[in-house]
Amino acid sequence: MKAFVVDKYKKKGALRLANLPEPELQDNDLLVRIQATAVNLLDSKVRDGEFKLILPYRPPFILGHDVAGTVVKIGPGVRRFKVGDEVYARPRDHRIGTFAEFIAIDQSDVALKPNNLSMTEAASIPLVGLTAWQALVEVGKVKPGQKVFIQAGSGGVGTFAIQLAKHLGATVATTTSAGNAELARSLGADVVIDYKTQDFEKVLSGYDLVLNSQDPKTLEKSLGVLKPGGQLISISGPPDPAFAGELGLNLFLKLVLRLLSRGVRKKAKRLGIRYSFLFMRAEGQQLGQITALIESGAIRPVVDKVFPFEKTGDALAYVETGRAKGKVVITVAD
């Protein structure tokens, strides 16, 4: 099969198109013929080596975290899916590799593709959908009437999280450029702040939850918009001790992560705010619940550009510009 691989960790390093054997199946695996995949900033961060201490991959490895395709073979332990099923998934860490023609995925990471989406649209959902779900539903426990601030509302996570927060009954504020303000409003944002001309920390106050996806300076400003008892959930760092515990890291790395997040945790505690770092995980059952929301019309995909498989490197470069509205998708097969 054809696949795009990372030969060595390197900032903005080129991916190599390689011919590789089809993946071997474990007992609970599905072999999926990939019809579409999507690009995330996580892909460039993994390629650059930003996560190699806590999420090591041994080069050469196949990049890619989103998949939509058709099941062509199943392992002997598979009970939930059959050959011919149209599925989508975010494969679990250490088993990524969706920039390819085939992938083996554990059945517990997979869900049936929404009936009302094309493969291209479905591929845009798993990583950002699960990130938003785990932040707002699992950790944040957002309730009707609460106020939620979602940064970067025209980005991949932002476009999904705005819709999910509105479905949960929240009042939603977001930041974006003036050119993307109408998109944010069409997704359900109640308050849209032009980050180029306005300071969100001067506009917003008394919020219950902030979903932070930006830099440390923005993270610190976000503390000021939360009310006592509020939550700051960051998907861009710094990692906290709870995350280190979940990964089972050694004592040295646990200490490093504790020190990285010490400042923001101290400030949050002083303000009576809960801080947590979220690194989303593969979860087919949650993806199934997301499928139901999509099929009901509560959430729609937002796809900016679609690239052919041979232009995977160009798709990654485009995402790195930060100009994408929603997701960037790659078509792998018809």
C-alpha atoms as a PDB file:
ATOM      1  CA  MET A   1       0.000   0.000   0.000  1.00  0.00           C
ATOM      2  CA  LYS A   2       1.012   3.632  -0.422  1.00  0.00           C
ATOM      3  CA  ALA A   3       1.583   5.712   2.701  1.00  0.00           C
ATOM      4  CA  PHE A   4       3.187   8.997   3.754  1.00  0.00           C
ATOM      5  CA  VAL A   5       5.835   8.418   6.407  1.00  0.00           C
ATOM      6  CA  VAL A   6       7.993  10.464   8.761  1.00  0.00           C
ATOM      7  CA  ASP A   7      11.608   9.331   8.360  1.00  0.00           C
ATOM      8  CA  LYS A   8      12.944  11.446  11.217  1.00  0.00           C
ATOM      9  CA  TYR A   9      11.695  14.062  13.634  1.00  0.00           C
ATOM     10  CA  LYS A  10      12.270  17.438  11.994  1.00  0.00           C
ATOM     11  CA  LYS A  11      10.457  20.773  12.139  1.00  0.00           C
ATOM     12  CA  LYS A  12       8.472  21.164   8.909  1.00  0.00           C
ATOM     13  CA  GLY A  13      10.200  18.042   7.593  1.00  0.00           C
ATOM     14  CA  ALA A  14       8.888  16.617   4.334  1.00  0.00           C
ATOM     15  CA  LEU A  15       6.807  13.429   4.369  1.00  0.00           C
ATOM     16  CA  ARG A  16       7.982  10.578   2.141  1.00  0.00           C
ATOM     17  CA  LEU A  17       5.594   8.585  -0.043  1.00  0.00           C
ATOM     18  CA  ALA A  18       6.454   4.918   0.519  1.00  0.00           C
ATOM     19  CA  ASN A  19       5.230   1.486  -0.559  1.00  0.00           C
ATOM     20  CA  LEU A  20       4.556  -0.599   2.552  1.00  0.00           C
ATOM     21  CA  PRO A  21       2.893  -3.934   3.319  1.00  0.00           C
ATOM     22  CA  GLU A  22      -0.741  -3.863   4.456  1.00  0.00           C
ATOM     23  CA  PRO A  23      -1.089  -3.773   8.262  1.00  0.00           C
ATOM     24  CA  GLU A  24      -1.432  -7.073  10.112  1.00  0.00           C
ATOM     25  CA  LEU A  25      -4.599  -7.553  12.146  1.00  0.00           C
ATOM     26  CA  GLN A  26      -4.752  -8.234  15.871  1.00  0.00           C
ATOM     27  CA  ASP A  27      -7.730 -10.172  17.257  1.00  0.00           C
ATOM     28  CA  ASN A  28      -9.925  -7.113  17.855  1.00  0.00           C
ATOM     29  CA  ASP A  29      -8.877  -5.155  14.780  1.00  0.00           C
ATOM     30  CA  LEU A  30     -10.660  -4.001  11.660  1.00  0.00           C
ATOM     31  CA  LEU A  31      -8.738  -3.536   8.427  1.00  0.00           C
ATOM     32  CA  VAL A  32     -10.134  -0.341   6.930  1.00  0.00           C
ATOM     33  CA  ARG A  33      -9.645   0.775   3.343  1.00  0.00           C
ATOM     34  CA  ILE A  34      -9.143   4.500   3.838  1.00  0.00           C
ATOM     35  CA  GLN A  35     -11.270   6.681   1.610  1.00  0.00           C
ATOM     36  CA  ALA A  36     -10.572   9.987   3.329  1.00  0.00           C
ATOM     37  CA  THR A  37      -8.411  11.364   6.098  1.00  0.00           C
ATOM     38  CA  ALA A  38      -7.996  14.822   7.629  1.00  0.00           C
ATOM     39  CA  VAL A  39      -5.107  16.983   8.763  1.00  0.00           C
ATOM     40  CA  ASN A  40      -4.674  18.343  12.291  1.00  0.00           C
ATOM     41  CA  LEU A  41      -2.052  20.559  13.888  1.00  0.00           C
ATOM     42  CA  LEU A  42      -1.327  17.496  16.038  1.00  0.00           C
ATOM     43  CA  ASP A  43       0.138  15.867  12.914  1.00  0.00           C
ATOM     44  CA  SER A  44       2.712  18.614  12.448  1.00  0.00           C
ATOM     45  CA  LYS A  45       3.534  18.635  16.167  1.00  0.00           C
ATOM     46  CA  VAL A  46       4.126  14.866  16.152  1.00  0.00           C
ATOM     47  CA  ARG A  47       6.289  15.159  13.005  1.00  0.00           C
ATOM     48  CA  ASP A  48       8.253  18.032  14.562  1.00  0.00           C
ATOM     49  CA  GLY A  49       8.995  15.914  17.650  1.00  0.00           C
ATOM     50  CA  GLU A  50       7.101  18.110  20.136  1.00  0.00           C
ATOM     51  CA  PHE A  51       5.542  15.059  21.819  1.00  0.00           C
ATOM     52  CA  LYS A  52       8.360  12.536  21.465  1.00  0.00           C
ATOM     53  CA  LEU A  53       9.120  12.475  25.214  1.00  0.00           C
ATOM     54  CA  ILE A  54       5.551  11.615  26.214  1.00  0.00           C
ATOM     55  CA  LEU A  55       4.297  10.053  22.962  1.00  0.00           C
ATOM     56  CA  PRO A  56       7.278   8.426  21.260  1.00  0.00           C
ATOM     57  CA  TYR A  57       7.037   7.000  17.751  1.00  0.00           C
ATOM     58  CA  ARG A  58       9.991   5.207  16.231  1.00  0.00           C
ATOM     59  CA  PRO A  59      10.698   6.525  12.697  1.00  0.00           C
ATOM     60  CA  PRO A  60       9.868   5.674  10.056  1.00  0.00           C
ATOM     61  CA  PHE A  61       6.159   5.851  10.957  1.00  0.00           C
ATOM     62  CA  ILE A  62       2.955   6.762   9.127  1.00  0.00           C
ATOM     63  CA  LEU A  63       1.353  10.054  10.157  1.00  0.00           C
ATOM     64  CA  GLY A  64      -2.371  10.842  10.391  1.00  0.00           C
ATOM     65  CA  HIS A  65      -5.085  10.813  13.084  1.00  0.00           C
ATOM     66  CA  ASP A  66      -8.482  10.875  11.288  1.00  0.00           C
ATOM     67  CA  VAL A  67     -10.034   8.235   9.061  1.00  0.00           C
ATOM     68  CA  ALA A  68     -13.215   7.439   7.171  1.00  0.00           C
ATOM     69  CA  GLY A  69     -13.436   4.291   5.087  1.00  0.00           C
ATOM     70  CA  THR A  70     -14.793   0.801   4.552  1.00  0.00           C
ATOM     71  CA  VAL A  71     -14.093  -2.358   6.559  1.00  0.00           C
ATOM     72  CA  VAL A  72     -12.455  -4.949   4.299  1.00  0.00           C
ATOM     73  CA  LYS A  73     -11.353  -7.549   6.894  1.00  0.00           C
ATOM     74  CA  ILE A  74     -11.996  -8.270  10.583  1.00  0.00           C
ATOM     75  CA  GLY A  75     -10.061 -10.038  13.335  1.00  0.00           C
ATOM     76  CA  PRO A  76     -11.493 -13.116  15.076  1.00  0.00           C
ATOM     77  CA  GLY A  77     -12.503 -11.114  18.166  1.00  0.00           C
ATOM     78  CA  VAL A  78     -14.527  -8.479  16.307  1.00  0.00           C
ATOM     79  CA  ARG A  79     -18.258  -8.544  17.110  1.00  0.00           C
ATOM     80  CA  ARG A  80     -19.436  -4.963  16.563  1.00  0.00           C
ATOM     81  CA  PHE A  81     -18.577  -4.560  12.874  1.00  0.00           C
ATOM     82  CA  LYS A  82     -18.623  -6.571   9.658  1.00  0.00           C
ATOM     83  CA  VAL A  83     -16.937  -6.442   6.263  1.00  0.00           C
ATOM     84  CA  GLY A  84     -18.535  -3.719   4.167  1.00  0.00           C
ATOM     85  CA  ASP A  85     -19.383  -1.376   7.057  1.00  0.00           C
ATOM     86  CA  GLU A  86     -18.660   2.301   6.445  1.00  0.00           C
ATOM     87  CA  VAL A  87     -16.840   3.596   9.523  1.00  0.00           C
ATOM     88  CA  TYR A  88     -14.856   6.504  10.915  1.00  0.00           C
ATOM     89  CA  ALA A  89     -12.381   6.823  13.766  1.00  0.00           C
ATOM     90  CA  ARG A  90      -9.509   8.525  15.491  1.00  0.00           C
ATOM     91  CA  PRO A  91      -7.105   5.581  15.994  1.00  0.00           C
ATOM     92  CA  ARG A  92      -5.533   5.383  19.431  1.00  0.00           C
ATOM     93  CA  ASP A  93      -2.072   6.750  20.193  1.00  0.00           C
ATOM     94  CA  HIS A  94       0.801   4.499  19.091  1.00  0.00           C
ATOM     95  CA  ARG A  95      -1.474   3.073  16.366  1.00  0.00           C
ATOM     96  CA  ILE A  96      -1.991   6.165  14.232  1.00  0.00           C
ATOM     97  CA  GLY A  97      -1.253   6.174  10.499  1.00  0.00           C
ATOM     98  CA  THR A  98      -4.182   7.401   8.417  1.00  0.00           C
ATOM     99  CA  PHE A  99      -2.088   9.010   5.663  1.00  0.00           C
ATOM    100  CA  ALA A 100      -2.217   5.637   3.916  1.00  0.00           C
ATOM    101  CA  GLU A 101      -4.447   3.380   1.840  1.00  0.00           C
ATOM    102  CA  PHE A 102      -5.184   0.944   4.696  1.00  0.00           C
ATOM    103  CA  ILE A 103      -5.070   0.931   8.490  1.00  0.00           C
ATOM    104  CA  ALA A 104      -5.722  -1.648  11.224  1.00  0.00           C
ATOM    105  CA  ILE A 105      -7.832  -0.162  14.055  1.00  0.00           C
ATOM    106  CA  ASP A 106      -9.067  -1.650  17.332  1.00  0.00           C
ATOM    107  CA  GLN A 107     -12.852  -2.024  17.156  1.00  0.00           C
ATOM    108  CA  SER A 108     -13.322  -0.029  20.369  1.00  0.00           C
ATOM    109  CA  ASP A 109     -11.919   3.080  18.624  1.00  0.00           C
ATOM    110  CA  VAL A 110     -14.397   2.901  15.730  1.00  0.00           C
ATOM    111  CA  ALA A 111     -17.979   4.034  15.042  1.00  0.00           C
ATOM    112  CA  LEU A 112     -20.303   3.673  12.075  1.00  0.00           C
ATOM    113  CA  LYS A 113     -20.077   6.663   9.748  1.00  0.00           C
ATOM    114  CA  PRO A 114     -23.024   9.090   9.950  1.00  0.00           C
ATOM    115  CA  ASN A 115     -25.522   8.211   7.214  1.00  0.00           C
ATOM    116  CA  ASN A 116     -25.935  11.822   6.150  1.00  0.00           C
ATOM    117  CA  LEU A 117     -22.212  12.523   5.615  1.00  0.00           C
ATOM    118  CA  SER A 118     -19.912  11.736   2.713  1.00  0.00           C
ATOM    119  CA  MET A 119     -16.604  10.032   3.446  1.00  0.00           C
ATOM    120  CA  THR A 120     -14.881  13.391   2.983  1.00  0.00           C
ATOM    121  CA  GLU A 121     -17.143  15.077   5.536  1.00  0.00           C
ATOM    122  CA  ALA A 122     -16.935  12.158   7.976  1.00  0.00           C
ATOM    123  CA  ALA A 123     -13.124  12.212   7.947  1.00  0.00           C
ATOM    124  CA  SER A 124     -13.221  15.781   9.273  1.00  0.00           C
ATOM    125  CA  ILE A 125     -14.989  14.810  12.492  1.00  0.00           C
ATOM    126  CA  PRO A 126     -13.247  12.262  14.784  1.00  0.00           C
ATOM    127  CA  LEU A 127     -10.312  14.103  16.379  1.00  0.00           C
ATOM    128  CA  VAL A 128     -12.014  17.495  16.766  1.00  0.00           C
ATOM    129  CA  GLY A 129     -15.344  15.928  17.695  1.00  0.00           C
ATOM    130  CA  LEU A 130     -13.844  13.784  20.433  1.00  0.00           C
ATOM    131  CA  THR A 131     -11.743  16.708  21.694  1.00  0.00           C
ATOM    132  CA  ALA A 132     -14.836  18.895  22.051  1.00  0.00           C
ATOM    133  CA  TRP A 133     -16.912  16.067  23.564  1.00  0.00           C
ATOM    134  CA  GLN A 134     -14.309  15.145  26.163  1.00  0.00           C
ATOM    135  CA  ALA A 135     -13.768  18.827  27.077  1.00  0.00           C
ATOM    136  CA  LEU A 136     -17.396  19.956  27.264  1.00  0.00           C
ATOM    137  CA  VAL A 137     -19.305  16.778  28.172  1.00  0.00           C
ATOM    138  CA  GLU A 138     -16.872  14.504  30.010  1.00  0.00           C
ATOM    139  CA  VAL A 139     -14.666  16.996  31.865  1.00  0.00           C
ATOM    140  CA  GLY A 140     -16.621  20.253  31.728  1.00  0.00           C
ATOM    141  CA  LYS A 141     -20.096  18.731  32.274  1.00  0.00           C
ATOM    142  CA  VAL A 142     -21.634  21.777  30.591  1.00  0.00           C
ATOM    143  CA  LYS A 143     -25.231  22.430  31.624  1.00  0.00           C
ATOM    144  CA  PRO A 144     -28.015  24.567  30.113  1.00  0.00           C
ATOM    145  CA  GLY A 145     -27.649  28.226  31.000  1.00  0.00           C
ATOM    146  CA  GLN A 146     -23.901  28.157  31.558  1.00  0.00           C
ATOM    147  CA  LYS A 147     -21.518  30.523  29.780  1.00  0.00           C
ATOM    148  CA  VAL A 148     -18.741  28.934  27.715  1.00  0.00           C
ATOM    149  CA  PHE A 149     -15.836  30.695  25.977  1.00  0.00           C
ATOM    150  CA  ILE A 150     -14.348  28.750  23.070  1.00  0.00           C
ATOM    151  CA  GLN A 151     -11.201  30.234  21.544  1.00  0.00           C
ATOM    152  CA  ALA A 152     -10.457  30.199  17.799  1.00  0.00           C
ATOM    153  CA  GLY A 153     -14.039  29.633  16.738  1.00  0.00           C
ATOM    154  CA  SER A 154     -13.279  29.181  13.035  1.00  0.00           C
ATOM    155  CA  GLY A 155     -10.688  26.447  13.591  1.00  0.00           C
ATOM    156  CA  GLY A 156     -11.231  22.697  13.537  1.00  0.00           C
ATOM    157  CA  VAL A 157     -11.995  22.228  17.230  1.00  0.00           C
ATOM    158  CA  GLY A 158     -13.713  25.602  17.496  1.00  0.00           C
ATOM    159  CA  THR A 159     -16.280  25.019  14.742  1.00  0.00           C
ATOM    160  CA  PHE A 160     -17.315  21.729  16.355  1.00  0.00           C
ATOM    161  CA  ALA A 161     -17.166  22.910  19.977  1.00  0.00           C
ATOM    162  CA  ILE A 162     -19.399  25.947  19.334  1.00  0.00           C
ATOM    163  CA  GLN A 163     -22.122  23.673  17.955  1.00  0.00           C
ATOM    164  CA  LEU A 164     -21.785  21.143  20.772  1.00  0.00           C
ATOM    165  CA  ALA A 165     -21.880  23.821  23.478  1.00  0.00           C
ATOM    166  CA  LYS A 166     -25.032  25.304  21.941  1.00  0.00           C
ATOM    167  CA  HIS A 167     -26.602  21.841  21.794  1.00  0.00           C
ATOM    168  CA  LEU A 168     -25.836  21.481  25.507  1.00  0.00           C
ATOM    169  CA  GLY A 169     -27.717  24.726  26.175  1.00  0.00           C
ATOM    170  CA  ALA A 170     -24.812  27.075  26.852  1.00  0.00           C
ATOM    171  CA  THR A 171     -24.333  30.712  25.920  1.00  0.00           C
ATOM    172  CA  VAL A 172     -21.225  30.685  23.734  1.00  0.00           C
ATOM    173  CA  ALA A 173     -18.546  33.319  23.164  1.00  0.00           C
ATOM    174  CA  THR A 174     -15.681  32.895  20.723  1.00  0.00           C
ATOM    175  CA  THR A 175     -12.777  34.698  19.094  1.00  0.00           C
ATOM    176  CA  THR A 176     -12.115  34.853  15.370  1.00  0.00           C
ATOM    177  CA  SER A 177     -11.233  37.353  12.646  1.00  0.00           C
ATOM    178  CA  ALA A 178     -13.835  39.743  11.267  1.00  0.00           C
ATOM    179  CA  GLY A 179     -13.893  37.754   8.037  1.00  0.00           C
ATOM    180  CA  ASN A 180     -14.945  34.591   9.890  1.00  0.00           C
ATOM    181  CA  ALA A 181     -17.429  36.214  12.270  1.00  0.00           C
ATOM    182  CA  GLU A 182     -20.464  35.225  10.204  1.00  0.00           C
ATOM    183  CA  LEU A 183     -19.320  31.583  10.132  1.00  0.00           C
ATOM    184  CA  ALA A 184     -19.018  31.593  13.940  1.00  0.00           C
ATOM    185  CA  ARG A 185     -22.510  33.085  14.303  1.00  0.00           C
ATOM    186  CA  SER A 186     -23.975  30.555  11.860  1.00  0.00           C
ATOM    187  CA  LEU A 187     -22.620  27.772  14.083  1.00  0.00           C
ATOM    188  CA  GLY A 188     -24.357  29.246  17.127  1.00  0.00           C
ATOM    189  CA  ALA A 189     -21.902  31.675  18.750  1.00  0.00           C
ATOM    190  CA  ASP A 190     -23.749  34.326  20.765  1.00  0.00           C
ATOM    191  CA  VAL A 191     -20.762  36.622  21.317  1.00  0.00           C
ATOM    192  CA  VAL A 192     -18.127  36.941  18.574  1.00  0.00           C
ATOM    193  CA  ILE A 193     -14.938  38.846  19.385  1.00  0.00           C
ATOM    194  CA  ASP A 194     -12.568  40.082  16.671  1.00  0.00           C
ATOM    195  CA  TYR A 195      -9.235  39.077  18.160  1.00  0.00           C
ATOM    196  CA  LYS A 196      -7.414  41.621  15.954  1.00  0.00           C
ATOM    197  CA  THR A 197      -9.251  44.660  17.328  1.00  0.00           C
ATOM    198  CA  GLN A 198     -10.709  43.542  20.684  1.00  0.00           C
ATOM    199  CA  ASP A 199      -9.302  42.134  23.909  1.00  0.00           C
ATOM    200  CA  PHE A 200     -11.549  39.263  24.981  1.00  0.00           C
ATOM    201  CA  GLU A 201     -10.552  39.674  28.634  1.00  0.00           C
ATOM    202  CA  LYS A 202     -12.078  43.189  28.581  1.00  0.00           C
ATOM    203  CA  VAL A 203     -15.327  41.991  26.990  1.00  0.00           C
ATOM    204  CA  LEU A 204     -16.057  38.737  28.823  1.00  0.00           C
ATOM    205  CA  SER A 205     -16.645  38.070  32.522  1.00  0.00           C
ATOM    206  CA  GLY A 206     -18.422  35.604  34.766  1.00  0.00           C
ATOM    207  CA  TYR A 207     -17.885  32.578  32.508  1.00  0.00           C
ATOM    208  CA  ASP A 208     -18.271  28.999  33.701  1.00  0.00           C
ATOM    209  CA  LEU A 209     -15.805  27.355  31.307  1.00  0.00           C
ATOM    210  CA  VAL A 210     -13.016  28.321  28.928  1.00  0.00           C
ATOM    211  CA  LEU A 211     -11.729  25.942  26.256  1.00  0.00           C
ATOM    212  CA  ASN A 212      -8.189  27.190  25.652  1.00  0.00           C
ATOM    213  CA  SER A 213      -6.374  26.277  22.448  1.00  0.00           C
ATOM    214  CA  GLN A 214      -3.924  29.151  22.178  1.00  0.00           C
ATOM    215  CA  ASP A 215      -0.575  30.312  23.582  1.00  0.00           C
ATOM    216  CA  PRO A 216       0.465  30.752  27.252  1.00  0.00           C
ATOM    217  CA  LYS A 217      -0.321  34.496  27.196  1.00  0.00           C
ATOM    218  CA  THR A 218      -3.905  33.791  26.091  1.00  0.00           C
ATOM    219  CA  LEU A 219      -4.158  31.050  28.701  1.00  0.00           C
ATOM    220  CA  GLU A 220      -3.265  33.480  31.466  1.00  0.00           C
ATOM    221  CA  LYS A 221      -5.737  36.108  30.208  1.00  0.00           C
ATOM    222  CA  SER A 222      -8.443  33.436  30.155  1.00  0.00           C
ATOM    223  CA  LEU A 223      -8.275  33.064  33.937  1.00  0.00           C
ATOM    224  CA  GLY A 224      -9.695  36.567  34.246  1.00  0.00           C
ATOM    225  CA  VAL A 225     -12.946  35.832  32.392  1.00  0.00           C
ATOM    226  CA  LEU A 226     -13.918  32.917  34.644  1.00  0.00           C
ATOM    227  CA  LYS A 227     -16.040  33.196  37.769  1.00  0.00           C
ATOM    228  CA  PRO A 228     -14.937  31.468  41.006  1.00  0.00           C
ATOM    229  CA  GLY A 229     -15.673  27.761  40.647  1.00  0.00           C
ATOM    230  CA  GLY A 230     -15.187  27.964  36.878  1.00  0.00           C
ATOM    231  CA  GLN A 231     -13.054  25.645  34.760  1.00  0.00           C
ATOM    232  CA  LEU A 232     -10.154  26.329  32.434  1.00  0.00           C
ATOM    233  CA  ILE A 233      -9.620  23.350  30.129  1.00  0.00           C
ATOM    234  CA  SER A 234      -6.586  23.643  27.864  1.00  0.00           C
ATOM    235  CA  ILE A 235      -5.891  21.481  24.820  1.00  0.00           C
ATOM    236  CA  SER A 236      -2.652  23.330  24.021  1.00  0.00           C
ATOM    237  CA  GLY A 237      -0.844  22.892  27.340  1.00  0.00           C
ATOM    238  CA  PRO A 238       0.807  23.034  29.700  1.00  0.00           C
ATOM    239  CA  PRO A 239       0.254  19.390  30.734  1.00  0.00           C
ATOM    240  CA  ASP A 240      -0.639  18.888  34.401  1.00  0.00           C
ATOM    241  CA  PRO A 241       0.243  16.172  36.970  1.00  0.00           C
ATOM    242  CA  ALA A 242      -3.048  14.337  36.363  1.00  0.00           C
ATOM    243  CA  PHE A 243      -2.116  13.907  32.693  1.00  0.00           C
ATOM    244  CA  ALA A 244       1.323  12.615  33.665  1.00  0.00           C
ATOM    245  CA  GLY A 245      -0.359  10.078  35.951  1.00  0.00           C
ATOM    246  CA  GLU A 246      -2.703   8.889  33.179  1.00  0.00           C
ATOM    247  CA  LEU A 247       0.261   8.268  30.874  1.00  0.00           C
ATOM    248  CA  GLY A 248       2.194   6.406  33.562  1.00  0.00           C
ATOM    249  CA  LEU A 249       5.306   8.504  32.960  1.00  0.00           C
ATOM    250  CA  ASN A 250       8.511   8.033  34.934  1.00  0.00           C
ATOM    251  CA  LEU A 251       9.257  10.227  37.959  1.00  0.00           C
ATOM    252  CA  PHE A 252      11.492  12.619  36.003  1.00  0.00           C
ATOM    253  CA  LEU A 253       8.866  13.342  33.342  1.00  0.00           C
ATOM    254  CA  LYS A 254       6.162  13.665  35.999  1.00  0.00           C
ATOM    255  CA  LEU A 255       8.308  16.299  37.705  1.00  0.00           C
ATOM    256  CA  VAL A 256       8.900  18.138  34.409  1.00  0.00           C
ATOM    257  CA  LEU A 257       5.159  18.314  33.651  1.00  0.00           C
ATOM    258  CA  ARG A 258       4.400  19.394  37.213  1.00  0.00           C
ATOM    259  CA  LEU A 259       6.874  22.288  36.871  1.00  0.00           C
ATOM    260  CA  LEU A 260       5.566  23.285  33.425  1.00  0.00           C
ATOM    261  CA  SER A 261       2.033  23.760  34.733  1.00  0.00           C
ATOM    262  CA  ARG A 262       2.899  25.017  38.217  1.00  0.00           C
ATOM    263  CA  GLY A 263       2.383  28.697  37.425  1.00  0.00           C
ATOM    264  CA  VAL A 264      -1.065  28.434  35.877  1.00  0.00           C
ATOM    265  CA  ARG A 265      -2.230  25.919  38.500  1.00  0.00           C
ATOM    266  CA  LYS A 266      -1.198  28.258  41.332  1.00  0.00           C
ATOM    267  CA  LYS A 267      -2.959  31.249  39.769  1.00  0.00           C
ATOM    268  CA  ALA A 268      -6.066  29.204  39.075  1.00  0.00           C
ATOM    269  CA  LYS A 269      -6.179  27.902  42.638  1.00  0.00           C
ATOM    270  CA  ARG A 270      -5.831  31.415  44.018  1.00  0.00           C
ATOM    271  CA  LEU A 271      -8.849  32.498  41.939  1.00  0.00           C
ATOM    272  CA  GLY A 272     -10.901  29.439  42.892  1.00  0.00           C
ATOM    273  CA  ILE A 273     -10.716  28.054  39.341  1.00  0.00           C
ATOM    274  CA  ARG A 274     -10.062  24.469  38.261  1.00  0.00           C
ATOM    275  CA  TYR A 275      -7.338  23.994  35.650  1.00  0.00           C
ATOM    276  CA  SER A 276      -6.970  20.822  33.606  1.00  0.00           C
ATOM    277  CA  PHE A 277      -5.047  19.795  30.511  1.00  0.00           C
ATOM    278  CA  LEU A 278      -6.860  17.634  27.957  1.00  0.00           C
ATOM    279  CA  PHE A 279      -5.109  15.384  25.468  1.00  0.00           C
ATOM    280  CA  MET A 280      -7.993  13.702  23.695  1.00  0.00           C
ATOM    281  CA  ARG A 281      -8.125   9.929  23.432  1.00  0.00           C
ATOM    282  CA  ALA A 282      -9.656   7.494  20.953  1.00  0.00           C
ATOM    283  CA  GLU A 283     -13.150   6.442  22.022  1.00  0.00           C
ATOM    284  CA  GLY A 284     -15.555   4.728  19.633  1.00  0.00           C
ATOM    285  CA  GLN A 285     -18.508   4.810  22.024  1.00  0.00           C
ATOM    286  CA  GLN A 286     -18.333   8.610  22.318  1.00  0.00           C
ATOM    287  CA  LEU A 287     -17.929   8.855  18.550  1.00  0.00           C
ATOM    288  CA  GLY A 288     -21.166   6.878  18.246  1.00  0.00           C
ATOM    289  CA  GLN A 289     -22.933   9.518  20.355  1.00  0.00           C
ATOM    290  CA  ILE A 290     -21.463  12.200  18.098  1.00  0.00           C
ATOM    291  CA  THR A 291     -22.832  10.277  15.103  1.00  0.00           C
ATOM    292  CA  ALA A 292     -26.326  10.563  16.563  1.00  0.00           C
ATOM    293  CA  LEU A 293     -25.955  14.355  16.934  1.00  0.00           C
ATOM    294  CA  ILE A 294     -24.771  14.681  13.339  1.00  0.00           C
ATOM    295  CA  GLU A 295     -27.587  12.528  11.976  1.00  0.00           C
ATOM    296  CA  SER A 296     -30.130  14.602  13.948  1.00  0.00           C
ATOM    297  CA  GLY A 297     -28.792  17.811  12.395  1.00  0.00           C
ATOM    298  CA  ALA A 298     -27.546  19.254  15.697  1.00  0.00           C
ATOM    299  CA  ILE A 299     -23.960  19.393  14.395  1.00  0.00           C
ATOM    300  CA  ARG A 300     -22.630  19.785  10.863  1.00  0.00           C
ATOM    301  CA  PRO A 301     -19.087  19.379   9.554  1.00  0.00           C
ATOM    302  CA  VAL A 302     -17.117  22.411   8.411  1.00  0.00           C
ATOM    303  CA  VAL A 303     -14.643  21.538   5.655  1.00  0.00           C
ATOM    304  CA  ASP A 304     -12.385  24.231   4.199  1.00  0.00           C
ATOM    305  CA  LYS A 305     -10.313  22.515   1.502  1.00  0.00           C
ATOM    306  CA  VAL A 306      -9.996  19.017   0.068  1.00  0.00           C
ATOM    307  CA  PHE A 307      -6.653  17.777  -1.272  1.00  0.00           C
ATOM    308  CA  PRO A 308      -5.888  14.632  -3.294  1.00  0.00           C
ATOM    309  CA  PHE A 309      -3.765  11.958  -1.581  1.00  0.00           C
ATOM    310  CA  GLU A 310      -0.620  12.797  -3.545  1.00  0.00           C
ATOM    311  CA  LYS A 311      -0.814  16.374  -2.196  1.00  0.00           C
ATOM    312  CA  THR A 312      -0.788  15.317   1.474  1.00  0.00           C
ATOM    313  CA  GLY A 313       2.314  17.429   2.123  1.00  0.00           C
ATOM    314  CA  ASP A 314       0.572  20.495   0.705  1.00  0.00           C
ATOM    315  CA  ALA A 315      -2.462  19.844   2.920  1.00  0.00           C
ATOM    316  CA  LEU A 316      -0.239  19.720   6.003  1.00  0.00           C
ATOM    317  CA  ALA A 317       1.505  22.945   4.980  1.00  0.00           C
ATOM    318  CA  TYR A 318      -1.849  24.683   4.492  1.00  0.00           C
ATOM    319  CA  VAL A 319      -3.033  23.714   7.978  1.00  0.00           C
ATOM    320  CA  GLU A 320       0.213  25.083   9.402  1.00  0.00           C
ATOM    321  CA  THR A 321      -0.588  28.541   7.982  1.00  0.00           C
ATOM    322  CA  GLY A 322      -3.429  28.801  10.533  1.00  0.00           C
ATOM    323  CA  ARG A 323      -5.852  30.084   7.875  1.00  0.00           C
ATOM    324  CA  ALA A 324      -8.098  27.024   7.574  1.00  0.00           C
ATOM    325  CA  LYS A 325     -11.796  27.452   8.367  1.00  0.00           C
ATOM    326  CA  GLY A 326     -12.802  24.175   9.957  1.00  0.00           C
ATOM    327  CA  LYS A 327     -10.992  21.098   8.680  1.00  0.00           C
ATOM    328  CA  VAL A 328      -8.723  20.217   5.781  1.00  0.00           C
ATOM    329  CA  VAL A 329      -9.439  16.802   4.271  1.00  0.00           C
ATOM    330  CA  ILE A 330      -7.481  14.446   2.003  1.00  0.00           C
ATOM    331  CA  THR A 331      -9.249  12.046  -0.356  1.00  0.00           C
ATOM    332  CA  VAL A 332      -7.402   8.739  -0.508  1.00  0.00           C
ATOM    333  CA  ALA A 333      -9.707   6.500  -2.593  1.00  0.00           C
ATOM    334  CA  ASP A 334     -13.107   6.709  -4.268  1.00  0.00           C
END
